[in-house]
Amino acid sequence: MVKLRLKRCGRKQRAVYRIVAIDVRSRREGRDLRKVGFFDPINSQTYLNVPLILYFLEKGAQPTGTVYDISKRAEVFTEFLPNQNQTKVN
């Protein structure tokens, strides 16, 4: 199973995080599948590759709580949820 989660980077006391798609069984700093964003809590900067995040969500990736909150603030799920509600019409 694939998760969207944070990967810690930076130096001591100055942590920045990459938002990555990674296998559940990997460590926090383990090998990721793709980098999909960046989060800097000190300077309050966020970069998200929204099409790539939506691709992984459509394939069944689960975001962690923190990544979910970051994505929700950036209104990523407003683009994802209308795609989920499509029904087949015969």
PDB file of N, CA and C in Angstrom:
ATOM      1  N   MET A   1       0.834  -1.176   0.000  1.00  0.00           N
ATOM      2  CA  MET A   1       0.000   0.000   0.000  1.00  0.00           C
ATOM      3  C   MET A   1       0.886   1.249   0.000  1.00  0.00           C
ATOM      4  N   VAL A   2       0.445   2.249  -0.684  1.00  0.00           N
ATOM      5  CA  VAL A   2       1.200   3.497  -0.815  1.00  0.00           C
ATOM      6  C   VAL A   2       0.569   4.559   0.081  1.00  0.00           C
ATOM      7  N   LYS A   3       1.418   5.331   0.737  1.00  0.00           N
ATOM      8  CA  LYS A   3       0.956   6.441   1.569  1.00  0.00           C
ATOM      9  C   LYS A   3       1.624   7.721   1.114  1.00  0.00           C
ATOM     10  N   LEU A   4       0.925   8.827   1.302  1.00  0.00           N
ATOM     11  CA  LEU A   4       1.504  10.155   1.119  1.00  0.00           C
ATOM     12  C   LEU A   4       1.896  10.636   2.502  1.00  0.00           C
ATOM     13  N   ARG A   5       3.197  10.806   2.743  1.00  0.00           N
ATOM     14  CA  ARG A   5       3.640  11.201   4.066  1.00  0.00           C
ATOM     15  C   ARG A   5       4.847  12.114   4.012  1.00  0.00           C
ATOM     16  N   LEU A   6       5.244  12.630   5.172  1.00  0.00           N
ATOM     17  CA  LEU A   6       6.349  13.576   5.251  1.00  0.00           C
ATOM     18  C   LEU A   6       7.676  12.841   5.379  1.00  0.00           C
ATOM     19  N   LYS A   7       8.689  13.396   4.746  1.00  0.00           N
ATOM     20  CA  LYS A   7      10.060  12.890   4.838  1.00  0.00           C
ATOM     21  C   LYS A   7      10.913  14.051   5.336  1.00  0.00           C
ATOM     22  N   ARG A   8      11.569  13.862   6.478  1.00  0.00           N
ATOM     23  CA  ARG A   8      12.297  14.955   7.124  1.00  0.00           C
ATOM     24  C   ARG A   8      13.612  15.233   6.407  1.00  0.00           C
ATOM     25  N   CYS A   9      13.884  16.517   6.192  1.00  0.00           N
ATOM     26  CA  CYS A   9      15.125  16.981   5.588  1.00  0.00           C
ATOM     27  C   CYS A   9      15.592  18.193   6.387  1.00  0.00           C
ATOM     28  N   GLY A  10      16.709  18.754   5.993  1.00  0.00           N
ATOM     29  CA  GLY A  10      17.203  19.945   6.673  1.00  0.00           C
ATOM     30  C   GLY A  10      18.184  19.582   7.771  1.00  0.00           C
ATOM     31  N   ARG A  11      18.547  20.586   8.559  1.00  0.00           N
ATOM     32  CA  ARG A  11      19.513  20.360   9.630  1.00  0.00           C
ATOM     33  C   ARG A  11      18.823  20.385  10.987  1.00  0.00           C
ATOM     34  N   LYS A  12      19.591  20.223  12.026  1.00  0.00           N
ATOM     35  CA  LYS A  12      19.033  20.213  13.373  1.00  0.00           C
ATOM     36  C   LYS A  12      18.322  21.528  13.666  1.00  0.00           C
ATOM     37  N   GLN A  13      17.185  21.437  14.299  1.00  0.00           N
ATOM     38  CA  GLN A  13      16.371  22.581  14.705  1.00  0.00           C
ATOM     39  C   GLN A  13      15.851  23.414  13.529  1.00  0.00           C
ATOM     40  N   ARG A  14      16.085  23.008  12.306  1.00  0.00           N
ATOM     41  CA  ARG A  14      15.621  23.725  11.108  1.00  0.00           C
ATOM     42  C   ARG A  14      15.017  22.715  10.124  1.00  0.00           C
ATOM     43  N   ALA A  15      14.111  21.923  10.598  1.00  0.00           N
ATOM     44  CA  ALA A  15      13.549  20.850   9.780  1.00  0.00           C
ATOM     45  C   ALA A  15      12.653  21.401   8.676  1.00  0.00           C
ATOM     46  N   VAL A  16      12.787  20.834   7.508  1.00  0.00           N
ATOM     47  CA  VAL A  16      11.859  21.023   6.399  1.00  0.00           C
ATOM     48  C   VAL A  16      11.446  19.620   5.969  1.00  0.00           C
ATOM     49  N   TYR A  17      10.329  19.528   5.315  1.00  0.00           N
ATOM     50  CA  TYR A  17       9.789  18.221   4.978  1.00  0.00           C
ATOM     51  C   TYR A  17       9.452  18.144   3.499  1.00  0.00           C
ATOM     52  N   ARG A  18       9.739  17.005   2.917  1.00  0.00           N
ATOM     53  CA  ARG A  18       9.250  16.683   1.581  1.00  0.00           C
ATOM     54  C   ARG A  18       8.000  15.847   1.744  1.00  0.00           C
ATOM     55  N   ILE A  19       7.035  16.088   0.909  1.00  0.00           N
ATOM     56  CA  ILE A  19       5.838  15.252   0.888  1.00  0.00           C
ATOM     57  C   ILE A  19       6.065  14.229  -0.216  1.00  0.00           C
ATOM     58  N   VAL A  20       6.059  12.952   0.157  1.00  0.00           N
ATOM     59  CA  VAL A  20       6.426  11.900  -0.775  1.00  0.00           C
ATOM     60  C   VAL A  20       5.358  10.817  -0.810  1.00  0.00           C
ATOM     61  N   ALA A  21       5.313  10.127  -1.927  1.00  0.00           N
ATOM     62  CA  ALA A  21       4.539   8.895  -2.038  1.00  0.00           C
ATOM     63  C   ALA A  21       5.520   7.770  -1.759  1.00  0.00           C
ATOM     64  N   ILE A  22       5.209   6.938  -0.759  1.00  0.00           N
ATOM     65  CA  ILE A  22       6.161   5.939  -0.293  1.00  0.00           C
ATOM     66  C   ILE A  22       5.405   4.687   0.128  1.00  0.00           C
ATOM     67  N   ASP A  23       6.066   3.545   0.003  1.00  0.00           N
ATOM     68  CA  ASP A  23       5.482   2.283   0.427  1.00  0.00           C
ATOM     69  C   ASP A  23       5.345   2.289   1.951  1.00  0.00           C
ATOM     70  N   VAL A  24       4.279   1.715   2.466  1.00  0.00           N
ATOM     71  CA  VAL A  24       3.994   1.732   3.899  1.00  0.00           C
ATOM     72  C   VAL A  24       5.112   1.066   4.695  1.00  0.00           C
ATOM     73  N   ARG A  25       5.735   0.056   4.136  1.00  0.00           N
ATOM     74  CA  ARG A  25       6.733  -0.707   4.877  1.00  0.00           C
ATOM     75  C   ARG A  25       8.089  -0.019   4.950  1.00  0.00           C
ATOM     76  N   SER A  26       8.271   1.099   4.252  1.00  0.00           N
ATOM     77  CA  SER A  26       9.550   1.809   4.251  1.00  0.00           C
ATOM     78  C   SER A  26       9.689   2.697   5.477  1.00  0.00           C
ATOM     79  N   ARG A  27      10.940   2.992   5.818  1.00  0.00           N
ATOM     80  CA  ARG A  27      11.216   3.904   6.925  1.00  0.00           C
ATOM     81  C   ARG A  27      10.853   5.334   6.531  1.00  0.00           C
ATOM     82  N   ARG A  28      10.902   6.235   7.509  1.00  0.00           N
ATOM     83  CA  ARG A  28      10.578   7.643   7.236  1.00  0.00           C
ATOM     84  C   ARG A  28      11.549   8.231   6.225  1.00  0.00           C
ATOM     85  N   GLU A  29      12.831   7.933   6.361  1.00  0.00           N
ATOM     86  CA  GLU A  29      13.820   8.443   5.422  1.00  0.00           C
ATOM     87  C   GLU A  29      14.133   7.419   4.329  1.00  0.00           C
ATOM     88  N   GLY A  30      13.277   6.427   4.157  1.00  0.00           N
ATOM     89  CA  GLY A  30      13.510   5.381   3.169  1.00  0.00           C
ATOM     90  C   GLY A  30      13.327   5.880   1.748  1.00  0.00           C
ATOM     91  N   ARG A  31      13.451   4.954   0.829  1.00  0.00           N
ATOM     92  CA  ARG A  31      13.353   5.288  -0.590  1.00  0.00           C
ATOM     93  C   ARG A  31      11.904   5.576  -0.965  1.00  0.00           C
ATOM     94  N   ASP A  32      11.683   6.727  -1.570  1.00  0.00           N
ATOM     95  CA  ASP A  32      10.320   7.103  -1.938  1.00  0.00           C
ATOM     96  C   ASP A  32      10.047   6.767  -3.398  1.00  0.00           C
ATOM     97  N   LEU A  33       8.748   6.693  -3.735  1.00  0.00           N
ATOM     98  CA  LEU A  33       8.347   6.449  -5.109  1.00  0.00           C
ATOM     99  C   LEU A  33       8.411   7.735  -5.921  1.00  0.00           C
ATOM    100  N   ARG A  34       7.852   8.806  -5.374  1.00  0.00           N
ATOM    101  CA  ARG A  34       7.855  10.119  -6.036  1.00  0.00           C
ATOM    102  C   ARG A  34       7.799  11.212  -4.998  1.00  0.00           C
ATOM    103  N   LYS A  35       8.406  12.331  -5.295  1.00  0.00           N
ATOM    104  CA  LYS A  35       8.271  13.529  -4.469  1.00  0.00           C
ATOM    105  C   LYS A  35       7.079  14.314  -5.019  1.00  0.00           C
ATOM    106  N   VAL A  36       6.125  14.629  -4.154  1.00  0.00           N
ATOM    107  CA  VAL A  36       4.919  15.307  -4.620  1.00  0.00           C
ATOM    108  C   VAL A  36       4.723  16.682  -3.996  1.00  0.00           C
ATOM    109  N   GLY A  37       5.636  17.083  -3.110  1.00  0.00           N
ATOM    110  CA  GLY A  37       5.475  18.395  -2.506  1.00  0.00           C
ATOM    111  C   GLY A  37       6.579  18.715  -1.530  1.00  0.00           C
ATOM    112  N   PHE A  38       6.432  19.875  -0.892  1.00  0.00           N
ATOM    113  CA  PHE A  38       7.427  20.412   0.017  1.00  0.00           C
ATOM    114  C   PHE A  38       6.696  21.205   1.090  1.00  0.00           C
ATOM    115  N   PHE A  39       7.148  21.095   2.338  1.00  0.00           N
ATOM    116  CA  PHE A  39       6.520  21.810   3.442  1.00  0.00           C
ATOM    117  C   PHE A  39       7.596  22.342   4.377  1.00  0.00           C
ATOM    118  N   ASP A  40       7.584  23.655   4.598  1.00  0.00           N
ATOM    119  CA  ASP A  40       8.523  24.307   5.500  1.00  0.00           C
ATOM    120  C   ASP A  40       7.719  24.959   6.620  1.00  0.00           C
ATOM    121  N   PRO A  41       7.653  24.330   7.807  1.00  0.00           N
ATOM    122  CA  PRO A  41       6.834  24.888   8.885  1.00  0.00           C
ATOM    123  C   PRO A  41       7.413  26.166   9.487  1.00  0.00           C
ATOM    124  N   ILE A  42       8.710  26.389   9.371  1.00  0.00           N
ATOM    125  CA  ILE A  42       9.329  27.566   9.967  1.00  0.00           C
ATOM    126  C   ILE A  42       8.945  28.823   9.199  1.00  0.00           C
ATOM    127  N   ASN A  43       9.036  28.769   7.872  1.00  0.00           N
ATOM    128  CA  ASN A  43       8.700  29.916   7.033  1.00  0.00           C
ATOM    129  C   ASN A  43       7.273  29.868   6.500  1.00  0.00           C
ATOM    130  N   SER A  44       6.517  28.859   6.884  1.00  0.00           N
ATOM    131  CA  SER A  44       5.132  28.664   6.436  1.00  0.00           C
ATOM    132  C   SER A  44       5.021  28.630   4.917  1.00  0.00           C
ATOM    133  N   GLN A  45       5.901  27.879   4.287  1.00  0.00           N
ATOM    134  CA  GLN A  45       5.869  27.719   2.837  1.00  0.00           C
ATOM    135  C   GLN A  45       5.426  26.302   2.500  1.00  0.00           C
ATOM    136  N   THR A  46       4.609  26.195   1.470  1.00  0.00           N
ATOM    137  CA  THR A  46       4.141  24.896   1.005  1.00  0.00           C
ATOM    138  C   THR A  46       4.114  24.893  -0.507  1.00  0.00           C
ATOM    139  N   TYR A  47       4.622  23.807  -1.096  1.00  0.00           N
ATOM    140  CA  TYR A  47       4.513  23.596  -2.532  1.00  0.00           C
ATOM    141  C   TYR A  47       3.920  22.215  -2.731  1.00  0.00           C
ATOM    142  N   LEU A  48       2.871  22.123  -3.516  1.00  0.00           N
ATOM    143  CA  LEU A  48       2.232  20.846  -3.800  1.00  0.00           C
ATOM    144  C   LEU A  48       2.090  20.661  -5.300  1.00  0.00           C
ATOM    145  N   ASN A  49       2.460  19.500  -5.785  1.00  0.00           N
ATOM    146  CA  ASN A  49       2.246  19.134  -7.176  1.00  0.00           C
ATOM    147  C   ASN A  49       0.866  18.477  -7.236  1.00  0.00           C
ATOM    148  N   VAL A  50      -0.163  19.280  -7.409  1.00  0.00           N
ATOM    149  CA  VAL A  50      -1.541  18.828  -7.280  1.00  0.00           C
ATOM    150  C   VAL A  50      -1.904  17.715  -8.268  1.00  0.00           C
ATOM    151  N   PRO A  51      -1.551  17.803  -9.565  1.00  0.00           N
ATOM    152  CA  PRO A  51      -1.905  16.690 -10.457  1.00  0.00           C
ATOM    153  C   PRO A  51      -1.291  15.363 -10.029  1.00  0.00           C
ATOM    154  N   LEU A  52      -0.086  15.404  -9.515  1.00  0.00           N
ATOM    155  CA  LEU A  52       0.573  14.176  -9.080  1.00  0.00           C
ATOM    156  C   LEU A  52      -0.071  13.633  -7.802  1.00  0.00           C
ATOM    157  N   ILE A  53      -0.461  14.520  -6.898  1.00  0.00           N
ATOM    158  CA  ILE A  53      -1.151  14.088  -5.678  1.00  0.00           C
ATOM    159  C   ILE A  53      -2.495  13.462  -6.032  1.00  0.00           C
ATOM    160  N   LEU A  54      -3.229  14.088  -6.942  1.00  0.00           N
ATOM    161  CA  LEU A  54      -4.520  13.534  -7.363  1.00  0.00           C
ATOM    162  C   LEU A  54      -4.349  12.181  -8.039  1.00  0.00           C
ATOM    163  N   TYR A  55      -3.273  12.006  -8.808  1.00  0.00           N
ATOM    164  CA  TYR A  55      -2.998  10.725  -9.452  1.00  0.00           C
ATOM    165  C   TYR A  55      -2.827   9.630  -8.404  1.00  0.00           C
ATOM    166  N   PHE A  56      -2.020   9.903  -7.377  1.00  0.00           N
ATOM    167  CA  PHE A  56      -1.794   8.884  -6.348  1.00  0.00           C
ATOM    168  C   PHE A  56      -3.052   8.618  -5.533  1.00  0.00           C
ATOM    169  N   LEU A  57      -3.851   9.652  -5.271  1.00  0.00           N
ATOM    170  CA  LEU A  57      -5.092   9.442  -4.538  1.00  0.00           C
ATOM    171  C   LEU A  57      -6.072   8.589  -5.339  1.00  0.00           C
ATOM    172  N   GLU A  58      -6.138   8.802  -6.655  1.00  0.00           N
ATOM    173  CA  GLU A  58      -7.017   7.992  -7.504  1.00  0.00           C
ATOM    174  C   GLU A  58      -6.569   6.542  -7.555  1.00  0.00           C
ATOM    175  N   LYS A  59      -5.265   6.311  -7.414  1.00  0.00           N
ATOM    176  CA  LYS A  59      -4.732   4.947  -7.424  1.00  0.00           C
ATOM    177  C   LYS A  59      -4.866   4.259  -6.069  1.00  0.00           C
ATOM    178  N   GLY A  60      -5.352   4.982  -5.044  1.00  0.00           N
ATOM    179  CA  GLY A  60      -5.615   4.359  -3.758  1.00  0.00           C
ATOM    180  C   GLY A  60      -4.636   4.718  -2.661  1.00  0.00           C
ATOM    181  N   ALA A  61      -3.780   5.695  -2.876  1.00  0.00           N
ATOM    182  CA  ALA A  61      -2.836   6.109  -1.833  1.00  0.00           C
ATOM    183  C   ALA A  61      -3.582   6.779  -0.691  1.00  0.00           C
ATOM    184  N   GLN A  62      -3.116   6.567   0.523  1.00  0.00           N
ATOM    185  CA  GLN A  62      -3.734   7.147   1.703  1.00  0.00           C
ATOM    186  C   GLN A  62      -2.821   8.217   2.280  1.00  0.00           C
ATOM    187  N   PRO A  63      -3.301   9.450   2.468  1.00  0.00           N
ATOM    188  CA  PRO A  63      -2.466  10.476   3.101  1.00  0.00           C
ATOM    189  C   PRO A  63      -2.449  10.288   4.610  1.00  0.00           C
ATOM    190  N   THR A  64      -1.324  10.632   5.239  1.00  0.00           N
ATOM    191  CA  THR A  64      -1.277  10.634   6.701  1.00  0.00           C
ATOM    192  C   THR A  64      -2.063  11.843   7.198  1.00  0.00           C
ATOM    193  N   GLY A  65      -2.242  11.935   8.487  1.00  0.00           N
ATOM    194  CA  GLY A  65      -3.029  13.025   9.059  1.00  0.00           C
ATOM    195  C   GLY A  65      -2.474  14.396   8.739  1.00  0.00           C
ATOM    196  N   THR A  66      -1.162  14.545   8.871  1.00  0.00           N
ATOM    197  CA  THR A  66      -0.534  15.845   8.617  1.00  0.00           C
ATOM    198  C   THR A  66      -0.611  16.212   7.144  1.00  0.00           C
ATOM    199  N   VAL A  67      -0.343  15.252   6.275  1.00  0.00           N
ATOM    200  CA  VAL A  67      -0.412  15.519   4.835  1.00  0.00           C
ATOM    201  C   VAL A  67      -1.853  15.823   4.430  1.00  0.00           C
ATOM    202  N   TYR A  68      -2.798  15.152   5.047  1.00  0.00           N
ATOM    203  CA  TYR A  68      -4.206  15.441   4.778  1.00  0.00           C
ATOM    204  C   TYR A  68      -4.541  16.880   5.152  1.00  0.00           C
ATOM    205  N   ASP A  69      -4.075  17.331   6.327  1.00  0.00           N
ATOM    206  CA  ASP A  69      -4.351  18.708   6.759  1.00  0.00           C
ATOM    207  C   ASP A  69      -3.704  19.730   5.832  1.00  0.00           C
ATOM    208  N   ILE A  70      -2.465  19.475   5.410  1.00  0.00           N
ATOM    209  CA  ILE A  70      -1.771  20.386   4.494  1.00  0.00           C
ATOM    210  C   ILE A  70      -2.510  20.452   3.163  1.00  0.00           C
ATOM    211  N   SER A  71      -2.921  19.307   2.660  1.00  0.00           N
ATOM    212  CA  SER A  71      -3.628  19.255   1.380  1.00  0.00           C
ATOM    213  C   SER A  71      -5.002  19.898   1.472  1.00  0.00           C
ATOM    214  N   LYS A  72      -5.659  19.720   2.605  1.00  0.00           N
ATOM    215  CA  LYS A  72      -6.986  20.310   2.787  1.00  0.00           C
ATOM    216  C   LYS A  72      -6.896  21.831   2.812  1.00  0.00           C
ATOM    217  N   ARG A  73      -5.852  22.365   3.476  1.00  0.00           N
ATOM    218  CA  ARG A  73      -5.643  23.811   3.507  1.00  0.00           C
ATOM    219  C   ARG A  73      -5.399  24.350   2.109  1.00  0.00           C
ATOM    220  N   ALA A  74      -4.749  23.557   1.254  1.00  0.00           N
ATOM    221  CA  ALA A  74      -4.468  23.976  -0.115  1.00  0.00           C
ATOM    222  C   ALA A  74      -5.624  23.654  -1.062  1.00  0.00           C
ATOM    223  N   GLU A  75      -6.718  23.120  -0.525  1.00  0.00           N
ATOM    224  CA  GLU A  75      -7.937  22.795  -1.274  1.00  0.00           C
ATOM    225  C   GLU A  75      -7.700  21.793  -2.397  1.00  0.00           C
ATOM    226  N   VAL A  76      -6.884  20.791  -2.124  1.00  0.00           N
ATOM    227  CA  VAL A  76      -6.629  19.730  -3.100  1.00  0.00           C
ATOM    228  C   VAL A  76      -7.848  18.828  -3.211  1.00  0.00           C
ATOM    229  N   PHE A  77      -8.523  18.578  -2.103  1.00  0.00           N
ATOM    230  CA  PHE A  77      -9.617  17.620  -2.096  1.00  0.00           C
ATOM    231  C   PHE A  77     -10.877  18.144  -2.751  1.00  0.00           C
ATOM    232  N   THR A  78     -10.989  19.450  -2.964  1.00  0.00           N
ATOM    233  CA  THR A  78     -12.136  19.971  -3.700  1.00  0.00           C
ATOM    234  C   THR A  78     -12.063  19.543  -5.162  1.00  0.00           C
ATOM    235  N   GLU A  79     -10.833  19.315  -5.644  1.00  0.00           N
ATOM    236  CA  GLU A  79     -10.670  18.822  -7.012  1.00  0.00           C
ATOM    237  C   GLU A  79     -10.808  17.309  -7.075  1.00  0.00           C
ATOM    238  N   PHE A  80     -10.494  16.624  -5.980  1.00  0.00           N
ATOM    239  CA  PHE A  80     -10.510  15.162  -5.972  1.00  0.00           C
ATOM    240  C   PHE A  80     -11.910  14.607  -5.753  1.00  0.00           C
ATOM    241  N   LEU A  81     -12.689  15.208  -4.861  1.00  0.00           N
ATOM    242  CA  LEU A  81     -13.989  14.660  -4.509  1.00  0.00           C
ATOM    243  C   LEU A  81     -15.005  14.674  -5.641  1.00  0.00           C
ATOM    244  N   PRO A  82     -15.088  15.710  -6.501  1.00  0.00           N
ATOM    245  CA  PRO A  82     -16.049  15.629  -7.610  1.00  0.00           C
ATOM    246  C   PRO A  82     -15.758  14.466  -8.548  1.00  0.00           C
ATOM    247  N   ASN A  83     -14.510  14.072  -8.696  1.00  0.00           N
ATOM    248  CA  ASN A  83     -14.174  12.932  -9.541  1.00  0.00           C
ATOM    249  C   ASN A  83     -14.657  11.625  -8.914  1.00  0.00           C
ATOM    250  N   GLN A  84     -14.742  11.563  -7.590  1.00  0.00           N
ATOM    251  CA  GLN A  84     -15.175  10.366  -6.893  1.00  0.00           C
ATOM    252  C   GLN A  84     -16.676  10.143  -7.008  1.00  0.00           C
ATOM    253  N   ASN A  85     -17.451  11.202  -7.155  1.00  0.00           N
ATOM    254  CA  ASN A  85     -18.910  11.112  -7.134  1.00  0.00           C
ATOM    255  C   ASN A  85     -19.522  10.838  -8.508  1.00  0.00           C
ATOM    256  N   GLN A  86     -18.727  10.580  -9.504  1.00  0.00           N
ATOM    257  CA  GLN A  86     -19.260  10.292 -10.823  1.00  0.00           C
ATOM    258  C   GLN A  86     -19.928   8.920 -10.801  1.00  0.00           C
ATOM    259  N   THR A  87     -21.128   8.850 -11.358  1.00  0.00           N
ATOM    260  CA  THR A  87     -21.853   7.572 -11.413  1.00  0.00           C
ATOM    261  C   THR A  87     -22.062   7.199 -12.871  1.00  0.00           C
ATOM    262  N   LYS A  88     -22.175   5.900 -13.086  1.00  0.00           N
ATOM    263  CA  LYS A  88     -22.414   5.414 -14.450  1.00  0.00           C
ATOM    264  C   LYS A  88     -23.888   5.565 -14.789  1.00  0.00           C
ATOM    265  N   VAL A  89     -24.157   6.047 -15.992  1.00  0.00           N
ATOM    266  CA  VAL A  89     -25.527   6.197 -16.462  1.00  0.00           C
ATOM    267  C   VAL A  89     -25.697   5.266 -17.640  1.00  0.00           C
ATOM    268  N   ASN A  90     -26.717   4.373 -17.543  1.00  0.00           N
ATOM    269  CA  ASN A  90     -26.955   3.415 -18.642  1.00  0.00           C
ATOM    270  C   ASN A  90     -27.892   3.973 -19.656  1.00  0.00           C
TER     271      ASN A  90
END
